């Protein structure tokens, strides 16, 4: 925590004293080094899952304040062909994380461009198989949506990133990226009749992503995609992608391991366009995802979760966890409307709605979770306030929906660059 305190006291004085944290290495600005610091704060109230505990005490409602994300970026075009990208920070600095708080390496890679149509790179990176698995945390429209697209997050990866190599490029309106990654090893013991991550030397993981831009082209300079352009760009694209890893999952059958390959396929449509001279705008993000982790696999996830659980009466676990990821099919919708500019009121307002509908093989009832929110942009994504209501299902041990719970979140995001 001392490191975080240093960042908040030192960096603002450094950054506000400069217009931009950028140093050109050539007179024309073609080569450069630049930096950024971004923080996302949460104030939250939620109805906890049944049998939730915090430090051994039963709770039914939770109120907390936390630092949801900290990002410190450093990137540079060292030569016209050589680019490097570094991103440092962490997630979920809350009242229950004081012993594990750290500022870690999120991304750190170098890339060499032979021609605009072909570059190669290596290091630790977030290049992946779908737009929503490469979402940029600094430009999201929904508060946390879509989290499910980080399919293996913090199981055999580090915040949806791994070490490896990639090739990418843009051929006119077609963008592509191919990756080979070294998944992290897992140490969780295999269980009889329960599919989980295999405790073995992992095979390489392969992914591919193709995207076609019908209108303006989006940049693929870094892995992270924009959630909304706030009326600044006219974009329509279609993308497809997939992931494969041999024997990533396993279960014990009669005391002997049975392995399952991991397969993932997605197709997505993204639309972001101004609608009139007032710069009111529409943003739509739709996707279909087929994921195969093995027989009846389902994983409960609670973003920024601070709680445990005292019994296994319900399937979800404690806090805000719910069945977010699993073997099956998921449909996702995220839509937002940006109100037009007004001379009397410079703040831009953008209400939004997201819905995740998943039919997982391991659940009897479909999983439906949704968010209702609104963004207030004081200075684009660099200074914005967001309000959100999240609603999630509660499953009993028969894998049926027995009730629903909600959460209210106020988020403030600021980026200095």
Protein backbone atom coordinates (compact mmCIF):
# COMPACT_ATOMS: atom_id res chain seq x y z
CA UNK A 1 0.00 0.00 0.00
CA UNK A 2 2.96 2.36 0.50
CA UNK A 3 3.69 2.06 -3.21
CA UNK A 4 0.11 3.01 -4.08
CA UNK A 5 0.25 6.01 -1.71
CA UNK A 6 3.47 7.13 -3.41
CA UNK A 7 1.84 6.95 -6.81
CA UNK A 8 -1.17 9.01 -5.78
CA UNK A 9 0.96 11.70 -4.13
CA UNK A 10 3.82 11.92 -6.62
CA UNK A 11 2.31 11.26 -10.03
CA UNK A 12 -0.51 13.87 -9.98
CA UNK A 13 1.96 16.68 -9.25
CA UNK A 14 4.20 15.42 -12.04
CA UNK A 15 1.46 14.96 -14.62
CA UNK A 16 -0.67 18.04 -14.01
CA UNK A 17 2.48 20.11 -14.53
CA UNK A 18 2.66 18.91 -18.14
CA UNK A 19 0.16 19.01 -20.95
CA UNK A 20 1.03 15.50 -22.16
CA UNK A 21 3.30 12.78 -20.79
CA UNK A 22 5.03 12.36 -24.10
CA UNK A 23 8.56 12.89 -25.35
CA UNK A 24 9.22 12.88 -29.07
CA UNK A 25 12.41 11.16 -30.15
CA UNK A 26 12.34 12.73 -33.62
CA UNK A 27 11.32 16.16 -34.85
CA UNK A 28 8.32 14.83 -36.78
CA UNK A 29 7.03 12.85 -33.76
CA UNK A 30 7.18 9.54 -35.63
CA UNK A 31 9.24 8.06 -32.81
CA UNK A 32 8.31 8.81 -29.21
CA UNK A 33 7.87 7.61 -25.63
CA UNK A 34 4.68 8.32 -23.69
CA UNK A 35 3.15 7.40 -20.34
CA UNK A 36 -0.21 7.40 -18.58
CA UNK A 37 -1.73 6.73 -15.16
CA UNK A 38 -5.37 5.65 -14.69
CA UNK A 39 -7.38 4.80 -11.60
CA UNK A 40 -10.92 3.47 -11.23
CA UNK A 41 -12.65 3.81 -7.86
CA UNK A 42 -15.77 1.96 -6.70
CA UNK A 43 -18.34 2.79 -4.04
CA UNK A 44 -20.69 -0.17 -3.74
CA UNK A 45 -23.73 -1.50 -1.91
CA UNK A 46 -25.03 -5.00 -2.59
CA UNK A 47 -27.28 -7.75 -1.30
CA UNK A 48 -24.92 -10.62 -0.60
CA UNK A 49 -25.44 -14.20 -1.69
CA UNK A 50 -26.98 -16.55 0.92
CA UNK A 51 -24.56 -17.69 3.67
CA UNK A 52 -22.01 -15.00 2.81
CA UNK A 53 -19.32 -14.34 5.42
CA UNK A 54 -16.62 -11.70 5.87
CA UNK A 55 -13.80 -12.73 8.18
CA UNK A 56 -16.06 -15.42 9.65
CA UNK A 57 -19.02 -13.10 10.30
CA UNK A 58 -22.32 -13.71 8.50
CA UNK A 59 -23.49 -10.74 6.43
CA UNK A 60 -26.50 -10.14 4.19
CA UNK A 61 -25.59 -6.66 2.90
CA UNK A 62 -22.20 -5.15 2.15
CA UNK A 63 -21.07 -1.55 1.63
CA UNK A 64 -17.48 -0.82 0.59
CA UNK A 65 -15.12 1.52 -1.23
CA UNK A 66 -12.24 0.16 -3.28
CA UNK A 67 -9.77 0.82 -6.05
CA UNK A 68 -11.11 -1.40 -8.81
CA UNK A 69 -8.19 -0.84 -11.18
CA UNK A 70 -4.80 0.85 -11.25
CA UNK A 71 -3.02 1.20 -14.58
CA UNK A 72 0.41 2.73 -15.23
CA UNK A 73 1.25 2.70 -18.92
CA UNK A 74 4.53 3.20 -20.75
CA UNK A 75 4.87 2.75 -24.49
CA UNK A 76 7.16 3.93 -27.25
CA UNK A 77 7.82 3.87 -30.95
CA UNK A 78 11.59 3.52 -30.56
CA UNK A 79 12.28 3.35 -34.30
CA UNK A 80 9.82 3.46 -37.22
CA UNK A 81 9.76 -0.36 -37.04
CA UNK A 82 10.24 -1.16 -33.33
CA UNK A 83 7.46 -0.62 -30.77
CA UNK A 84 7.32 -1.55 -27.10
CA UNK A 85 4.37 -1.58 -24.72
CA UNK A 86 4.29 -1.84 -20.95
CA UNK A 87 1.32 -1.76 -18.60
CA UNK A 88 1.66 -2.09 -14.83
CA UNK A 89 -0.83 -2.10 -11.98
CA UNK A 90 -3.46 -4.39 -10.54
CA UNK A 91 -7.11 -4.93 -9.67
CA UNK A 92 -9.33 -5.05 -6.59
CA UNK A 93 -7.49 -3.08 -3.92
CA UNK A 94 -10.11 -3.44 -1.19
CA UNK A 95 -10.44 -3.81 2.60
CA UNK A 96 -9.83 -7.55 2.31
CA UNK A 97 -6.73 -7.40 0.10
CA UNK A 98 -4.13 -5.59 2.23
CA UNK A 99 -1.85 -8.63 2.40
CA UNK A 100 -1.94 -9.25 -1.34
CA UNK A 101 -1.90 -5.70 -2.76
CA UNK A 102 0.79 -5.36 -5.38
CA UNK A 103 1.70 -3.49 -8.53
CA UNK A 104 2.48 -6.16 -11.08
CA UNK A 105 3.45 -6.50 -14.72
CA UNK A 106 0.27 -6.70 -16.76
CA UNK A 107 1.75 -6.25 -20.25
CA UNK A 108 5.37 -6.05 -21.34
CA UNK A 109 6.21 -6.84 -24.94
CA UNK A 110 8.17 -5.69 -27.98
CA UNK A 111 6.92 -5.69 -31.56
CA UNK A 112 8.70 -5.37 -34.89
CA UNK A 113 6.81 -4.29 -38.01
CA UNK A 114 8.16 -5.61 -41.31
CA UNK A 115 5.34 -4.02 -43.33
CA UNK A 116 1.96 -2.58 -42.20
CA UNK A 117 0.39 -5.92 -43.10
CA UNK A 118 2.72 -7.98 -40.90
CA UNK A 119 4.29 -7.52 -37.48
CA UNK A 120 5.62 -9.98 -34.93
CA UNK A 121 6.06 -9.57 -31.20
CA UNK A 122 6.88 -11.40 -27.98
CA UNK A 123 6.51 -10.89 -24.25
CA UNK A 124 3.54 -10.74 -21.91
CA UNK A 125 0.39 -9.47 -23.61
CA UNK A 126 -3.40 -9.44 -23.78
CA UNK A 127 -3.87 -10.22 -27.47
CA UNK A 128 -6.72 -12.71 -27.66
CA UNK A 129 -9.52 -14.25 -29.68
CA UNK A 130 -12.37 -11.75 -29.43
CA UNK A 131 -13.08 -8.04 -29.18
CA UNK A 132 -14.56 -8.43 -25.72
CA UNK A 133 -11.68 -10.52 -24.42
CA UNK A 134 -9.40 -7.61 -25.39
CA UNK A 135 -11.57 -4.83 -23.96
CA UNK A 136 -9.74 -1.71 -22.84
CA UNK A 137 -10.53 -0.97 -19.20
CA UNK A 138 -10.12 2.77 -19.75
CA UNK A 139 -12.82 3.09 -22.42
CA UNK A 140 -15.54 0.63 -21.43
CA UNK A 141 -19.17 1.66 -21.81
CA UNK A 142 -20.59 -0.83 -19.32
CA UNK A 143 -19.21 -0.82 -15.81
CA UNK A 144 -17.60 -4.26 -15.98
CA UNK A 145 -19.34 -5.83 -18.95
CA UNK A 146 -18.51 -8.17 -20.46
CA UNK A 147 -16.44 -9.97 -17.81
CA UNK A 148 -17.38 -13.47 -18.97
CA UNK A 149 -15.28 -13.02 -22.13
CA UNK A 150 -12.14 -13.27 -19.96
CA UNK A 151 -12.79 -16.99 -20.08
CA UNK A 152 -9.76 -18.31 -18.16
CA UNK A 153 -9.02 -15.18 -16.10
CA UNK A 154 -6.64 -15.82 -13.19
CA UNK A 155 -6.86 -19.60 -13.56
CA UNK A 156 -4.07 -20.31 -16.05
CA UNK A 157 -3.39 -16.68 -16.93
CA UNK A 158 -2.58 -13.43 -15.11
CA UNK A 159 -5.48 -10.99 -15.47
CA UNK A 160 -6.23 -12.46 -18.93
CA UNK A 161 -2.59 -12.14 -20.05
CA UNK A 162 0.21 -14.62 -20.65
CA UNK A 163 3.74 -14.84 -22.00
CA UNK A 164 4.13 -15.82 -25.61
CA UNK A 165 4.44 -14.61 -29.18
CA UNK A 166 2.09 -13.09 -31.73
CA UNK A 167 1.77 -12.00 -35.34
CA UNK A 168 -0.63 -9.29 -36.45
CA UNK A 169 -1.39 -6.81 -39.20
CA UNK A 170 -3.93 -4.86 -41.21
CA UNK A 171 -4.65 -5.70 -44.84
CA UNK A 172 -6.81 -2.79 -45.97
CA UNK A 173 -9.98 -3.17 -43.85
CA UNK A 174 -9.09 -6.61 -42.47
CA UNK A 175 -7.23 -6.88 -39.16
CA UNK A 176 -5.84 -10.11 -37.79
CA UNK A 177 -3.86 -11.40 -34.81
CA UNK A 178 -2.46 -14.89 -34.19
CA UNK A 179 -0.97 -15.91 -30.84
CA UNK A 180 0.92 -18.74 -29.17
CA UNK A 181 0.93 -18.52 -25.37
CA UNK A 182 2.47 -20.33 -22.42
CA UNK A 183 -0.40 -20.85 -19.95
CA UNK A 184 0.40 -20.67 -16.25
CA UNK A 185 0.59 -23.90 -14.29
CA UNK A 186 -2.21 -24.68 -11.85
CA UNK A 187 -1.78 -26.30 -8.44
CA UNK A 188 -5.38 -27.12 -7.53
CA UNK A 189 -5.80 -30.84 -6.88
CA UNK A 190 -7.95 -32.78 -9.33
CA UNK A 191 -11.30 -34.01 -7.97
CA UNK A 192 -13.37 -37.12 -8.57
CA UNK A 193 -16.17 -36.37 -11.02
CA UNK A 194 -15.59 -32.58 -11.06
CA UNK A 195 -14.00 -30.91 -14.08
CA UNK A 196 -11.32 -28.32 -13.30
CA UNK A 197 -7.99 -27.07 -14.60
CA UNK A 198 -5.53 -29.92 -15.14
CA UNK A 199 -2.63 -30.20 -12.72
CA UNK A 200 0.03 -31.01 -15.28
CA UNK A 201 2.63 -29.37 -17.53
CA UNK A 202 0.42 -27.21 -19.77
CA UNK A 203 0.36 -27.45 -23.53
CA UNK A 204 0.67 -24.28 -25.61
CA UNK A 205 -2.48 -22.25 -26.16
CA UNK A 206 -3.30 -21.00 -29.68
CA UNK A 207 -5.70 -18.22 -30.64
CA UNK A 208 -6.79 -16.33 -33.75
CA UNK A 209 -8.87 -13.21 -34.29
CA UNK A 210 -10.09 -11.68 -37.56
CA UNK A 211 -11.96 -8.36 -37.85
CA UNK A 212 -13.35 -6.54 -40.88
CA UNK A 213 -14.09 -2.80 -40.67
CA UNK A 214 -16.90 -1.66 -42.96
CA UNK A 215 -16.56 2.07 -42.14
CA UNK A 216 -13.66 3.77 -40.38
CA UNK A 217 -10.75 1.51 -39.45
CA UNK A 218 -9.98 0.89 -35.82
CA UNK A 219 -6.39 0.91 -34.66
CA UNK A 220 -4.73 -2.36 -33.69
CA UNK A 221 -1.64 -0.65 -32.28
CA UNK A 222 -2.20 -2.25 -28.86
CA UNK A 223 -4.36 -5.22 -27.86
CA UNK A 224 -7.11 -3.24 -26.15
CA UNK A 225 -10.35 -2.33 -27.90
CA UNK A 226 -12.53 0.72 -27.33
CA UNK A 227 -15.91 0.25 -25.66
CA UNK A 228 -17.41 3.52 -26.89
CA UNK A 229 -15.97 6.37 -28.95
CA UNK A 230 -18.35 8.95 -27.41
CA UNK A 231 -19.47 10.15 -30.84
CA UNK A 232 -15.93 10.68 -32.16
CA UNK A 233 -15.81 7.84 -34.71
CA UNK A 234 -18.08 6.01 -37.15
CA UNK A 235 -17.34 2.31 -36.78
CA UNK A 236 -19.01 -0.90 -37.91
CA UNK A 237 -17.15 -4.19 -37.86
CA UNK A 238 -17.62 -7.95 -37.77
CA UNK A 239 -15.14 -10.23 -36.05
CA UNK A 240 -14.59 -13.95 -35.50
CA UNK A 241 -12.07 -15.77 -33.34
CA UNK A 242 -11.15 -18.91 -31.51
CA UNK A 243 -8.87 -20.52 -28.91
CA UNK A 244 -7.53 -24.04 -28.53
CA UNK A 245 -5.46 -25.71 -25.81
CA UNK A 246 -4.89 -29.43 -25.57
CA UNK A 247 -5.81 -31.16 -22.29
CA UNK A 248 -6.30 -27.91 -20.39
CA UNK A 249 -9.04 -29.40 -18.18
CA UNK A 250 -9.38 -32.68 -16.29
CA UNK A 251 -11.35 -34.69 -13.75
CA UNK A 252 -10.75 -37.94 -11.89
CA UNK A 253 -12.78 -40.93 -13.01
CA UNK A 254 -12.21 -43.93 -10.75
CA UNK A 255 -9.08 -42.23 -9.45
CA UNK A 256 -7.56 -41.76 -12.91
CA UNK A 257 -7.38 -38.39 -14.72
CA UNK A 258 -9.54 -37.81 -17.78
CA UNK A 259 -8.41 -34.83 -19.84
CA UNK A 260 -10.44 -32.39 -21.93
CA UNK A 261 -9.26 -30.04 -24.65
CA UNK A 262 -10.33 -26.40 -24.35
CA UNK A 263 -12.09 -24.91 -27.37
CA UNK A 264 -13.62 -21.48 -27.79
CA UNK A 265 -15.31 -19.82 -30.76
CA UNK A 266 -16.85 -16.34 -30.98
CA UNK A 267 -18.41 -13.96 -33.47
CA UNK A 268 -19.13 -10.31 -32.69
CA UNK A 269 -20.64 -7.18 -34.24
CA UNK A 270 -19.65 -3.70 -33.05
CA UNK A 271 -21.39 -0.48 -34.09
CA UNK A 272 -20.56 3.02 -32.91
CA UNK A 273 -21.86 5.98 -34.89
CA UNK A 274 -22.96 9.61 -34.50
CA UNK A 275 -26.61 10.14 -35.43
CA UNK A 276 -26.85 13.88 -36.09
CA UNK A 277 -25.02 17.19 -36.04
CA UNK A 278 -25.63 17.37 -32.28
CA UNK A 279 -23.25 14.40 -31.98
CA UNK A 280 -25.77 12.14 -30.29
CA UNK A 281 -24.54 8.62 -30.90
CA UNK A 282 -25.47 4.95 -30.74
CA UNK A 283 -23.16 2.16 -29.55
CA UNK A 284 -24.02 -1.53 -29.95
CA UNK A 285 -21.90 -4.56 -29.03
CA UNK A 286 -23.37 -8.00 -29.80
CA UNK A 287 -21.71 -11.37 -29.56
CA UNK A 288 -22.15 -15.15 -29.65
CA UNK A 289 -19.65 -17.35 -27.80
CA UNK A 290 -19.33 -21.13 -27.76
CA UNK A 291 -17.03 -22.40 -25.01
CA UNK A 292 -16.02 -25.98 -24.27
CA UNK A 293 -14.10 -26.52 -21.02
CA UNK A 294 -15.14 -30.15 -20.67
CA UNK A 295 -18.08 -31.99 -19.18
CA UNK A 296 -20.55 -29.67 -17.37
CA UNK A 297 -17.90 -27.17 -16.29
CA UNK A 298 -19.29 -24.03 -14.61
CA UNK A 299 -17.31 -21.33 -12.80
CA UNK A 300 -18.68 -18.79 -10.35
CA UNK A 301 -17.08 -15.34 -10.54
CA UNK A 302 -17.64 -12.26 -8.40
CA UNK A 303 -15.83 -9.13 -9.57
CA UNK A 304 -13.93 -7.41 -6.75
CA UNK A 305 -15.33 -9.99 -4.34
CA UNK A 306 -14.49 -9.47 -0.66
CA UNK A 307 -16.50 -12.32 0.87
CA UNK A 308 -16.50 -16.03 1.59
CA UNK A 309 -19.26 -18.52 2.29
CA UNK A 310 -20.17 -20.56 5.38
CA UNK A 311 -21.96 -23.49 3.71
CA UNK A 312 -22.55 -25.10 0.34
CA UNK A 313 -26.33 -24.83 0.52
CA UNK A 314 -26.28 -22.74 -2.65
CA UNK A 315 -24.18 -23.13 -5.78
CA UNK A 316 -22.99 -19.53 -6.21
CA UNK A 317 -20.61 -19.16 -3.30
CA UNK A 318 -20.27 -15.95 -1.30
CA UNK A 319 -20.47 -12.22 -1.98
CA UNK A 320 -21.50 -11.31 -5.52
CA UNK A 321 -20.39 -14.52 -7.27
CA UNK A 322 -22.59 -16.17 -9.88
CA UNK A 323 -22.14 -18.71 -12.74
CA UNK A 324 -20.48 -16.42 -15.26
CA UNK A 325 -18.34 -18.87 -17.26
CA UNK A 326 -18.81 -22.46 -18.38
CA UNK A 327 -19.22 -25.08 -21.08
CA UNK A 328 -22.06 -24.02 -23.35
CA UNK A 329 -23.28 -21.07 -25.38
CA UNK A 330 -23.51 -17.39 -24.49
CA UNK A 331 -25.29 -14.51 -26.19
CA UNK A 332 -24.30 -10.98 -25.18
CA UNK A 333 -25.84 -7.57 -25.80
CA UNK A 334 -24.48 -4.17 -24.78
CA UNK A 335 -26.12 -1.01 -26.01
CA UNK A 336 -25.82 2.66 -25.18
CA UNK A 337 -27.19 6.00 -26.35
CA UNK A 338 -25.13 9.19 -26.07
CA UNK A 339 -27.20 12.35 -25.74
CA UNK A 340 -26.26 15.21 -28.04
CA UNK A 341 -24.05 18.15 -27.15
CA UNK A 342 -25.60 21.09 -25.31
CA UNK A 343 -24.13 24.58 -24.97
CA UNK A 344 -25.48 25.00 -21.45
CA UNK A 345 -24.26 21.61 -20.22
CA UNK A 346 -20.88 20.34 -21.39
CA UNK A 347 -21.06 16.96 -19.60
CA UNK A 348 -22.05 14.13 -21.96
CA UNK A 349 -24.57 11.56 -20.71
CA UNK A 350 -24.79 7.98 -21.91
CA UNK A 351 -27.30 5.48 -20.48
CA UNK A 352 -26.52 1.84 -21.27
CA UNK A 353 -27.81 -1.68 -20.84
CA UNK A 354 -26.06 -5.06 -20.99
CA UNK A 355 -27.47 -8.59 -20.90
CA UNK A 356 -25.63 -11.91 -20.72
CA UNK A 357 -27.70 -14.98 -21.59
CA UNK A 358 -25.83 -18.26 -21.13
CA UNK A 359 -27.04 -21.80 -21.55
CA UNK A 360 -24.43 -23.83 -19.69
CA UNK A 361 -24.52 -27.65 -19.84
CA UNK A 362 -23.91 -27.85 -16.09
CA UNK A 363 -26.99 -25.78 -15.13
CA UNK A 364 -30.66 -26.73 -15.46
CA UNK A 365 -31.81 -23.12 -15.86
CA UNK A 366 -30.36 -20.55 -18.24
CA UNK A 367 -28.09 -17.96 -16.66
CA UNK A 368 -29.29 -14.38 -17.22
CA UNK A 369 -27.42 -11.42 -15.74
CA UNK A 370 -27.90 -7.78 -16.62
CA UNK A 371 -26.63 -4.27 -15.90
CA UNK A 372 -28.40 -0.91 -16.14
CA UNK A 373 -26.07 2.05 -16.06
CA UNK A 374 -25.24 5.60 -17.09
CA UNK A 375 -21.95 7.37 -17.83
CA UNK A 376 -21.27 11.05 -17.25
CA UNK A 377 -18.31 12.15 -19.35
CA UNK A 378 -16.72 15.32 -17.96
CA UNK A 379 -13.71 15.05 -20.27
CA UNK A 380 -14.18 11.95 -22.37
CA UNK A 381 -12.94 8.72 -20.82
CA UNK A 382 -10.21 10.64 -19.01
CA UNK A 383 -12.67 11.97 -16.44
CA UNK A 384 -15.98 10.16 -16.06
CA UNK A 385 -18.51 9.13 -13.43
CA UNK A 386 -20.64 6.01 -13.84
CA UNK A 387 -23.70 4.64 -12.07
CA UNK A 388 -24.74 1.01 -12.35
CA UNK A 389 -27.28 -1.49 -11.07
CA UNK A 390 -26.29 -5.15 -11.52
CA UNK A 391 -28.68 -8.10 -11.17
CA UNK A 392 -27.56 -11.73 -10.89
CA UNK A 393 -29.21 -15.15 -10.36
CA UNK A 394 -28.83 -17.35 -7.26
CA UNK A 395 -28.68 -21.09 -7.95
CA UNK A 396 -29.45 -23.91 -5.52
CA UNK A 397 -27.47 -27.15 -5.53
CA UNK A 398 -29.95 -28.62 -8.00
CA UNK A 399 -28.55 -25.99 -10.42
CA UNK A 400 -31.90 -24.19 -10.63
CA UNK A 401 -32.49 -20.45 -10.14
CA UNK A 402 -34.00 -19.93 -6.68
CA UNK A 403 -33.80 -16.12 -6.39
CA UNK A 404 -32.00 -13.02 -7.63
CA UNK A 405 -29.77 -10.41 -5.97
CA UNK A 406 -28.68 -6.93 -6.92
CA UNK A 407 -25.79 -4.49 -6.51
CA UNK A 408 -25.52 -0.70 -6.81
CA UNK A 409 -22.14 0.73 -7.84
CA UNK A 410 -20.83 4.25 -8.32
CA UNK A 411 -17.59 4.38 -10.28
CA UNK A 412 -15.17 7.24 -10.88
CA UNK A 413 -12.48 6.87 -13.53
CA UNK A 414 -9.67 9.34 -14.14
CA UNK A 415 -6.75 9.07 -16.52
CA UNK A 416 -3.71 11.32 -16.60
CA UNK A 417 -1.63 11.26 -19.73
